[in-house]
Every structure is written in structure tokens, then in C-alpha cells.
């Protein structure tokens, strides 16, 4: 019988302050090389993967106990475009009686918080393998390459997830051709992009995730995005957020609306806040509209809670998540 965790909900609302700065970030422009065909998800992923080289794979330790395997591992990636070495940390959890199915939890901007940990526990209690990739640091310089830097943040997240799955598949048993995604806020945004690009992911459940990065960056009151907007606009000597939004439309490519590229769009579940100024409510409904316009009416949960409490409300729908993953994976 699936475990019920709704009694924990009020307790986790109290922890909202821990996740209070949950927010979003985009990533860098894709390519100036017009010879690269990015018209299909497969070609896009091949291109992104080609930007990185695995320099070293550090074998993670194994521990025994409640779970069969706990990998606290890292991949050292070399980013060719920037000539940077990146250390990607991840945590992989495999229950003793796991069902050979993998769920990837994409963290929010604050990293692995009580929300992600509680969702992990719910999945493990029901025999799912769980992978969580730690977000790489968000460091932006404000110059003519800022949009490239913003876009690169998302590309790093995509490649890091794929490379960690590839690494783990060498020594662990899970179905690489049938995986699930889970995430809130930034985690939901990046999960939506990955869902559209990598069709091995068959189902997804996100909370307070939206699409249309240009308007999101131009209007969000998040404590990370608002200063980013202010400093970026100051560099470009802009005063009108609408001008900033139009500028981003010309310079950002990746967007959560890419979710509509998935052939499994009918398995898209989303929780929407009707009182959100971090991932503005308009952007959340915009993602919903884009999925609907692609011919699918996504399973939708609504709440009047603001951003962080709405994200935590995912814990009220763990039974629905489990039914989704049980049915689709």
C-alpha cells in the first residue's frame, strides 16, 4: 500500500523560509554555428553533450542500511567553450527492493532542501531509485555575453543530468529508456526543458514552473532575479522592463515551453499557484496554455498559496505522483 504523507504538510509549510528564495535561472545561447541543425531534440542534445568532456569519474562510496546503495558522487566535466573545469555533485539512492525505475528530482535554486528530501523519501518508500543533481553555482558577469551565460546555466544542468545517468547505469540496474522527472520552481522549469528534449523521460510532475523566460526575467520579484534584472539593465542602459524583455526574446533560446516536444506530453502533471510573483502566475499558466495548444490538457492542480507554500503543497499529492509513475514507467 502506498504511504500517505499528507499529515506532514503543515509541518513543511513552517519550513517555507528555508526554501524562501526558490527561483529560476535560464542558460546560454545555443550556437552561432548555423551548420548545426537544432531542429530536433536529438540533435540539440547531441550538440549540448559535445560541449563537455568527462575528464574524470570519481567512484562514489557505497553504504548499507535502509537503502541498498547511496552514492554521493561527482563527475568532473570540462566545458570546452569556456575552458572551465566543472565539478558536478550528485546523490543516487537505491532502495533494497527497488523496482528498476528511476526518478530524477531537479532541485530548486537553493539546492537540495527539505522538500526535495521529503519527495525522495516518498519515492524510496515505494521502491523507486532516485537521482538528485546538485545545481552548479550561478555566477553571472554583466557584459555583452550575459545572455550566453544565462543560457549556459541550463545547458550545464541538462548535460550534468544526462552524464550522471550514463555513469550510474554502468553499475546500477534501472530502465534508462523509461524514467520520470520531478521538480519545483527552478527544478520544475529545468525538468520541463529536459522532458521535451530527452524522450527517455516518460512522465513529469512539476510545481510552480512557468514558461517564457523573457517575460519571467522582466517581471519576477524573486530575490535573485530582480537584482539580476537591475544589474543587467543598468549595463545596457535600459530603464523599461519591456525593453529588457524584448532584448531577451532576441537572445534566449532555451525555454520550458520545449516540453511540448515530448511524445509523452499526456503524462505532464503541474501544480499552479494563482498568487505568485516569483515564477509569476501568468508564466505558469502560459506553460499550461502551450501544452494545451499542443493538443494535451495537462493534469492540473491549483492553489491560492504564494510561491514557496505552493511548492511545498506538492507533498499533498504524493499519491497522485506515485500513480503517475506507476502507470507510465
Protein backbone atom coordinates (compact mmCIF):
# COMPACT_ATOMS: atom_id res chain seq x y z
CA UNK A 1 0.00 0.00 0.00
CA UNK A 2 1.39 3.43 -0.88
CA UNK A 3 2.38 5.51 2.06
CA UNK A 4 0.43 8.64 2.95
CA UNK A 5 2.38 11.75 3.84
CA UNK A 6 -0.26 14.44 3.95
CA UNK A 7 -0.01 14.76 7.70
CA UNK A 8 3.43 16.25 7.22
CA UNK A 9 2.11 19.11 5.10
CA UNK A 10 1.55 21.73 7.79
CA UNK A 11 4.95 20.99 9.27
CA UNK A 12 6.65 21.58 5.96
CA UNK A 13 4.80 24.83 5.41
CA UNK A 14 6.58 26.05 8.53
CA UNK A 15 9.85 25.29 6.77
CA UNK A 16 8.91 27.63 3.92
CA UNK A 17 11.52 30.12 4.98
CA UNK A 18 14.22 27.53 4.35
CA UNK A 19 13.23 27.45 0.72
CA UNK A 20 12.14 31.08 0.59
CA UNK A 21 14.36 32.11 -2.25
CA UNK A 22 13.35 29.34 -4.62
CA UNK A 23 13.75 30.83 -8.05
CA UNK A 24 14.75 30.35 -11.63
CA UNK A 25 17.57 30.73 -13.93
CA UNK A 26 17.97 30.32 -17.62
CA UNK A 27 21.03 29.36 -19.55
CA UNK A 28 23.20 30.37 -22.52
CA UNK A 29 22.61 30.80 -26.26
CA UNK A 30 22.85 27.59 -28.07
CA UNK A 31 25.08 28.04 -31.06
CA UNK A 32 26.36 30.57 -33.55
CA UNK A 33 27.23 27.71 -35.92
CA UNK A 34 24.41 27.65 -38.44
CA UNK A 35 25.69 24.34 -39.81
CA UNK A 36 24.38 22.62 -36.69
CA UNK A 37 20.78 21.59 -37.12
CA UNK A 38 18.97 22.16 -33.83
CA UNK A 39 15.52 21.45 -35.22
CA UNK A 40 15.12 18.16 -33.40
CA UNK A 41 15.57 17.32 -29.72
CA UNK A 42 18.08 14.60 -30.56
CA UNK A 43 20.35 16.98 -32.45
CA UNK A 44 20.08 19.55 -29.69
CA UNK A 45 21.13 17.06 -27.06
CA UNK A 46 23.99 15.80 -29.20
CA UNK A 47 25.19 19.37 -29.58
CA UNK A 48 24.94 20.17 -25.87
CA UNK A 49 26.73 16.96 -24.91
CA UNK A 50 29.51 17.79 -27.36
CA UNK A 51 30.30 20.96 -25.40
CA UNK A 52 31.51 18.90 -22.44
CA UNK A 53 34.11 16.25 -21.91
CA UNK A 54 34.21 13.89 -18.93
CA UNK A 55 37.70 14.33 -17.55
CA UNK A 56 37.35 12.10 -14.51
CA UNK A 57 34.69 9.98 -12.85
CA UNK A 58 35.18 9.64 -9.14
CA UNK A 59 33.65 6.36 -7.89
CA UNK A 60 31.17 7.27 -5.15
CA UNK A 61 31.15 5.40 -1.84
CA UNK A 62 28.56 2.74 -1.10
CA UNK A 63 26.80 2.47 2.25
CA UNK A 64 24.45 -0.14 3.66
CA UNK A 65 21.37 0.36 5.78
CA UNK A 66 17.83 1.32 4.97
CA UNK A 67 18.82 1.62 1.33
CA UNK A 68 20.81 -0.76 -0.79
CA UNK A 69 23.07 1.88 -2.32
CA UNK A 70 23.77 5.50 -1.51
CA UNK A 71 26.11 7.18 -3.96
CA UNK A 72 27.40 10.61 -3.07
CA UNK A 73 29.39 11.04 -6.23
CA UNK A 74 30.82 13.62 -8.54
CA UNK A 75 31.67 13.99 -12.18
CA UNK A 76 34.42 16.29 -13.33
CA UNK A 77 33.39 17.85 -16.63
CA UNK A 78 35.46 20.05 -18.89
CA UNK A 79 33.44 22.79 -20.62
CA UNK A 80 35.07 23.40 -23.97
CA UNK A 81 33.50 26.77 -24.82
CA UNK A 82 34.66 28.44 -21.60
CA UNK A 83 37.74 26.31 -20.89
CA UNK A 84 36.38 25.60 -17.41
CA UNK A 85 36.52 22.52 -15.22
CA UNK A 86 33.17 21.84 -13.54
CA UNK A 87 32.63 19.52 -10.60
CA UNK A 88 29.13 18.09 -10.68
CA UNK A 89 27.93 16.53 -7.44
CA UNK A 90 25.03 14.11 -7.30
CA UNK A 91 23.25 11.78 -4.91
CA UNK A 92 21.82 8.45 -6.02
CA UNK A 93 19.50 6.44 -3.77
CA UNK A 94 18.52 2.86 -4.46
CA UNK A 95 16.11 1.02 -2.11
CA UNK A 96 16.82 -2.58 -1.17
CA UNK A 97 13.80 -3.81 -3.11
CA UNK A 98 13.93 -1.24 -5.87
CA UNK A 99 11.72 -1.63 -8.93
CA UNK A 100 14.44 -0.77 -11.50
CA UNK A 101 12.72 2.56 -12.22
CA UNK A 102 14.50 5.90 -11.88
CA UNK A 103 13.04 9.29 -10.90
CA UNK A 104 15.24 12.36 -11.34
CA UNK A 105 14.50 15.16 -8.86
CA UNK A 106 15.78 18.51 -10.12
CA UNK A 107 16.47 20.85 -7.17
CA UNK A 108 15.27 24.42 -6.85
CA UNK A 109 17.66 27.38 -6.73
CA UNK A 110 18.51 26.69 -3.08
CA UNK A 111 19.66 23.18 -3.87
CA UNK A 112 18.51 20.09 -2.02
CA UNK A 113 16.04 21.34 0.60
CA UNK A 114 13.54 19.59 2.93
CA UNK A 115 11.06 19.50 0.02
CA UNK A 116 13.38 17.50 -2.23
CA UNK A 117 14.40 15.27 0.66
CA UNK A 118 10.80 14.50 1.57
CA UNK A 119 9.90 13.72 -2.05
CA UNK A 120 12.94 11.46 -2.24
CA UNK A 121 11.79 9.58 0.86
CA UNK A 122 8.30 9.11 -0.54
CA UNK A 123 9.71 7.64 -3.75
CA UNK A 124 12.17 5.38 -1.94
CA UNK A 125 9.44 4.10 0.40
CA UNK A 126 7.72 2.95 -2.78
CA UNK A 127 10.81 1.28 -4.23
CA UNK A 128 11.91 3.91 -6.76
CA UNK A 129 15.54 4.72 -7.46
CA UNK A 130 16.15 8.45 -7.06
CA UNK A 131 18.81 10.70 -8.57
CA UNK A 132 19.33 14.30 -7.44
CA UNK A 133 21.87 16.51 -9.20
CA UNK A 134 23.26 19.38 -7.16
CA UNK A 135 22.96 22.67 -9.01
CA UNK A 136 26.18 24.26 -10.18
CA UNK A 137 26.90 27.76 -8.82
CA UNK A 138 25.11 30.64 -10.52
CA UNK A 139 27.71 33.24 -11.39
CA UNK A 140 26.99 35.91 -13.98
CA UNK A 141 29.08 38.77 -15.30
CA UNK A 142 27.20 41.66 -16.86
CA UNK A 143 28.56 42.35 -20.31
CA UNK A 144 27.72 41.51 -23.91
CA UNK A 145 27.87 37.77 -23.09
CA UNK A 146 25.37 37.78 -20.20
CA UNK A 147 22.61 36.10 -22.19
CA UNK A 148 25.11 33.44 -23.26
CA UNK A 149 25.94 32.86 -19.61
CA UNK A 150 22.26 32.63 -18.67
CA UNK A 151 21.66 30.07 -21.37
CA UNK A 152 24.73 28.08 -20.41
CA UNK A 153 23.38 27.53 -16.89
CA UNK A 154 20.52 25.46 -18.30
CA UNK A 155 22.74 23.58 -20.73
CA UNK A 156 25.01 22.62 -17.83
CA UNK A 157 22.03 21.27 -15.90
CA UNK A 158 20.86 19.21 -18.89
CA UNK A 159 24.27 17.72 -19.61
CA UNK A 160 25.07 17.09 -15.94
CA UNK A 161 21.88 15.07 -15.51
CA UNK A 162 22.49 13.02 -18.64
CA UNK A 163 26.12 12.30 -17.80
CA UNK A 164 25.25 11.25 -14.24
CA UNK A 165 22.61 8.83 -15.57
CA UNK A 166 25.15 7.44 -18.04
CA UNK A 167 27.70 6.97 -15.26
CA UNK A 168 25.29 5.31 -12.83
CA UNK A 169 23.89 2.97 -15.48
CA UNK A 170 27.27 1.23 -15.67
CA UNK A 171 26.91 -0.29 -12.21
CA UNK A 172 23.22 0.04 -11.31
CA UNK A 173 20.05 -1.54 -12.61
CA UNK A 174 17.37 0.84 -13.80
CA UNK A 175 15.49 1.36 -17.03
CA UNK A 176 17.28 4.13 -18.91
CA UNK A 177 14.61 4.20 -21.58
CA UNK A 178 11.78 4.92 -19.13
CA UNK A 179 12.44 7.50 -16.43
CA UNK A 180 10.44 10.15 -14.57
CA UNK A 181 11.05 13.78 -13.61
CA UNK A 182 10.08 15.78 -10.54
CA UNK A 183 10.79 19.39 -9.56
CA UNK A 184 9.51 22.66 -8.13
CA UNK A 185 10.24 26.21 -9.28
CA UNK A 186 13.67 26.20 -10.95
CA UNK A 187 13.60 22.42 -10.63
CA UNK A 188 10.27 22.27 -12.45
CA UNK A 189 11.48 24.66 -15.13
CA UNK A 190 14.63 22.70 -15.89
CA UNK A 191 12.72 19.41 -15.68
CA UNK A 192 10.25 20.72 -18.28
CA UNK A 193 13.08 21.52 -20.70
CA UNK A 194 14.69 18.12 -20.18
CA UNK A 195 11.32 16.39 -20.61
CA UNK A 196 10.96 17.96 -24.04
CA UNK A 197 14.50 17.21 -25.19
CA UNK A 198 15.22 13.74 -23.79
CA UNK A 199 12.40 11.37 -24.69
CA UNK A 200 13.59 8.66 -22.36
CA UNK A 201 11.67 10.59 -19.72
CA UNK A 202 8.12 9.29 -19.90
CA UNK A 203 6.35 11.36 -17.21
CA UNK A 204 6.79 14.51 -15.15
CA UNK A 205 5.26 16.26 -12.14
CA UNK A 206 6.22 19.91 -11.56
CA UNK A 207 5.09 22.70 -9.24
CA UNK A 208 5.17 26.49 -9.73
CA UNK A 209 7.03 26.14 -13.03
CA UNK A 210 6.39 28.52 -15.90
CA UNK A 211 7.49 29.25 -19.43
CA UNK A 212 8.55 32.31 -21.43
CA UNK A 213 11.88 33.22 -19.87
CA UNK A 214 11.94 36.77 -21.32
CA UNK A 215 8.78 37.91 -19.53
CA UNK A 216 9.71 35.94 -16.43
CA UNK A 217 13.07 37.68 -16.13
CA UNK A 218 11.43 41.03 -16.82
CA UNK A 219 8.70 40.72 -14.17
CA UNK A 220 9.73 38.28 -11.41
CA UNK A 221 10.14 39.76 -7.93
CA UNK A 222 12.39 36.93 -6.82
CA UNK A 223 15.34 38.00 -4.68
CA UNK A 224 17.81 36.57 -7.21
CA UNK A 225 16.11 37.54 -10.47
CA UNK A 226 15.20 41.12 -9.53
CA UNK A 227 18.83 42.15 -8.81
CA UNK A 228 19.95 40.25 -11.91
CA UNK A 229 17.46 42.25 -13.99
CA UNK A 230 18.50 45.52 -12.37
CA UNK A 231 22.21 44.99 -12.98
CA UNK A 232 21.78 43.64 -16.49
CA UNK A 233 19.53 46.55 -17.46
CA UNK A 234 21.99 49.01 -15.92
CA UNK A 235 24.82 47.60 -18.02
CA UNK A 236 22.71 48.03 -21.17
CA UNK A 237 21.47 51.45 -20.02
CA UNK A 238 17.85 50.32 -20.10
CA UNK A 239 15.12 51.69 -17.85
CA UNK A 240 11.98 50.00 -19.20
CA UNK A 241 11.50 46.31 -18.28
CA UNK A 242 9.55 45.86 -21.50
CA UNK A 243 12.66 46.81 -23.48
CA UNK A 244 14.60 44.28 -21.44
CA UNK A 245 12.02 41.60 -22.19
CA UNK A 246 12.23 42.34 -25.92
CA UNK A 247 16.02 42.16 -25.76
CA UNK A 248 15.87 38.75 -24.08
CA UNK A 249 13.45 37.50 -26.75
CA UNK A 250 16.15 38.08 -29.31
CA UNK A 251 18.90 36.43 -27.28
CA UNK A 252 17.49 33.46 -25.33
CA UNK A 253 16.67 30.16 -27.00
CA UNK A 254 16.04 27.53 -24.35
CA UNK A 255 12.65 27.71 -22.65
CA UNK A 256 10.37 25.42 -20.60
CA UNK A 257 7.90 25.55 -23.50
CA UNK A 258 10.21 22.96 -25.09
CA UNK A 259 8.25 20.45 -23.03
CA UNK A 260 5.77 20.29 -25.90
CA UNK A 261 8.40 18.44 -27.96
CA UNK A 262 7.88 15.36 -25.80
CA UNK A 263 5.90 12.49 -27.35
CA UNK A 264 4.70 11.76 -23.80
CA UNK A 265 3.05 15.11 -23.18
CA UNK A 266 -0.12 13.44 -21.90
CA UNK A 267 1.94 12.48 -18.83
CA UNK A 268 2.61 16.10 -17.81
CA UNK A 269 1.23 16.99 -14.37
CA UNK A 270 1.58 20.50 -12.95
CA UNK A 271 0.69 22.43 -9.80
CA UNK A 272 -0.07 26.12 -10.40
CA UNK A 273 -0.09 28.98 -7.89
CA UNK A 274 -2.66 31.69 -8.57
CA UNK A 275 -0.81 34.12 -6.29
CA UNK A 276 2.81 34.00 -7.36
CA UNK A 277 5.25 36.80 -8.17
CA UNK A 278 8.41 34.68 -8.08
CA UNK A 279 7.50 32.49 -11.02
CA UNK A 280 4.64 34.80 -11.95
CA UNK A 281 1.23 33.18 -12.23
CA UNK A 282 0.97 34.35 -15.84
CA UNK A 283 4.09 32.37 -16.74
CA UNK A 284 2.76 29.24 -15.03
CA UNK A 285 -0.49 29.43 -16.96
CA UNK A 286 1.47 30.21 -20.12
CA UNK A 287 3.21 26.85 -19.84
CA UNK A 288 -0.20 25.25 -19.29
CA UNK A 289 -1.57 27.02 -22.41
CA UNK A 290 1.35 25.92 -24.56
CA UNK A 291 0.80 22.31 -23.58
CA UNK A 292 -2.92 22.65 -24.22
CA UNK A 293 -2.25 24.26 -27.62
CA UNK A 294 -0.11 21.21 -28.44
CA UNK A 295 -3.25 19.10 -28.08
CA UNK A 296 -2.96 17.93 -24.47
CA UNK A 297 -4.87 19.10 -21.42
CA UNK A 298 -2.27 18.66 -18.65
CA UNK A 299 -3.38 17.29 -15.31
CA UNK A 300 -3.58 20.48 -13.25
CA UNK A 301 -3.66 21.27 -9.53
CA UNK A 302 -4.38 24.84 -8.41
CA UNK A 303 -3.70 26.69 -5.18
CA UNK A 304 -4.00 30.23 -3.85
CA UNK A 305 -0.79 29.85 -1.85
CA UNK A 306 2.18 32.02 -2.72
CA UNK A 307 5.31 30.59 -4.30
CA UNK A 308 7.07 28.63 -1.55
CA UNK A 309 3.96 27.28 0.22
CA UNK A 310 2.60 26.29 -3.19
CA UNK A 311 5.79 24.36 -3.95
CA UNK A 312 5.52 22.59 -0.62
CA UNK A 313 1.94 21.67 -1.43
CA UNK A 314 3.40 19.04 -3.74
CA UNK A 315 3.54 16.92 -0.60
CA UNK A 316 -0.25 16.74 -0.62
CA UNK A 317 -0.20 15.00 -4.00
CA UNK A 318 2.37 12.27 -3.45
CA UNK A 319 -0.27 9.60 -4.07
CA UNK A 320 -1.02 11.15 -7.45
CA UNK A 321 2.71 11.28 -8.27
CA UNK A 322 3.11 7.62 -7.44
CA UNK A 323 0.10 6.67 -9.55
CA UNK A 324 1.56 8.66 -12.44
CA UNK A 325 4.95 6.97 -12.23
CA UNK A 326 3.49 3.51 -11.58
CA UNK A 327 1.33 3.85 -14.68
CA UNK A 328 3.86 5.33 -17.08
CA UNK A 329 7.23 3.80 -16.19
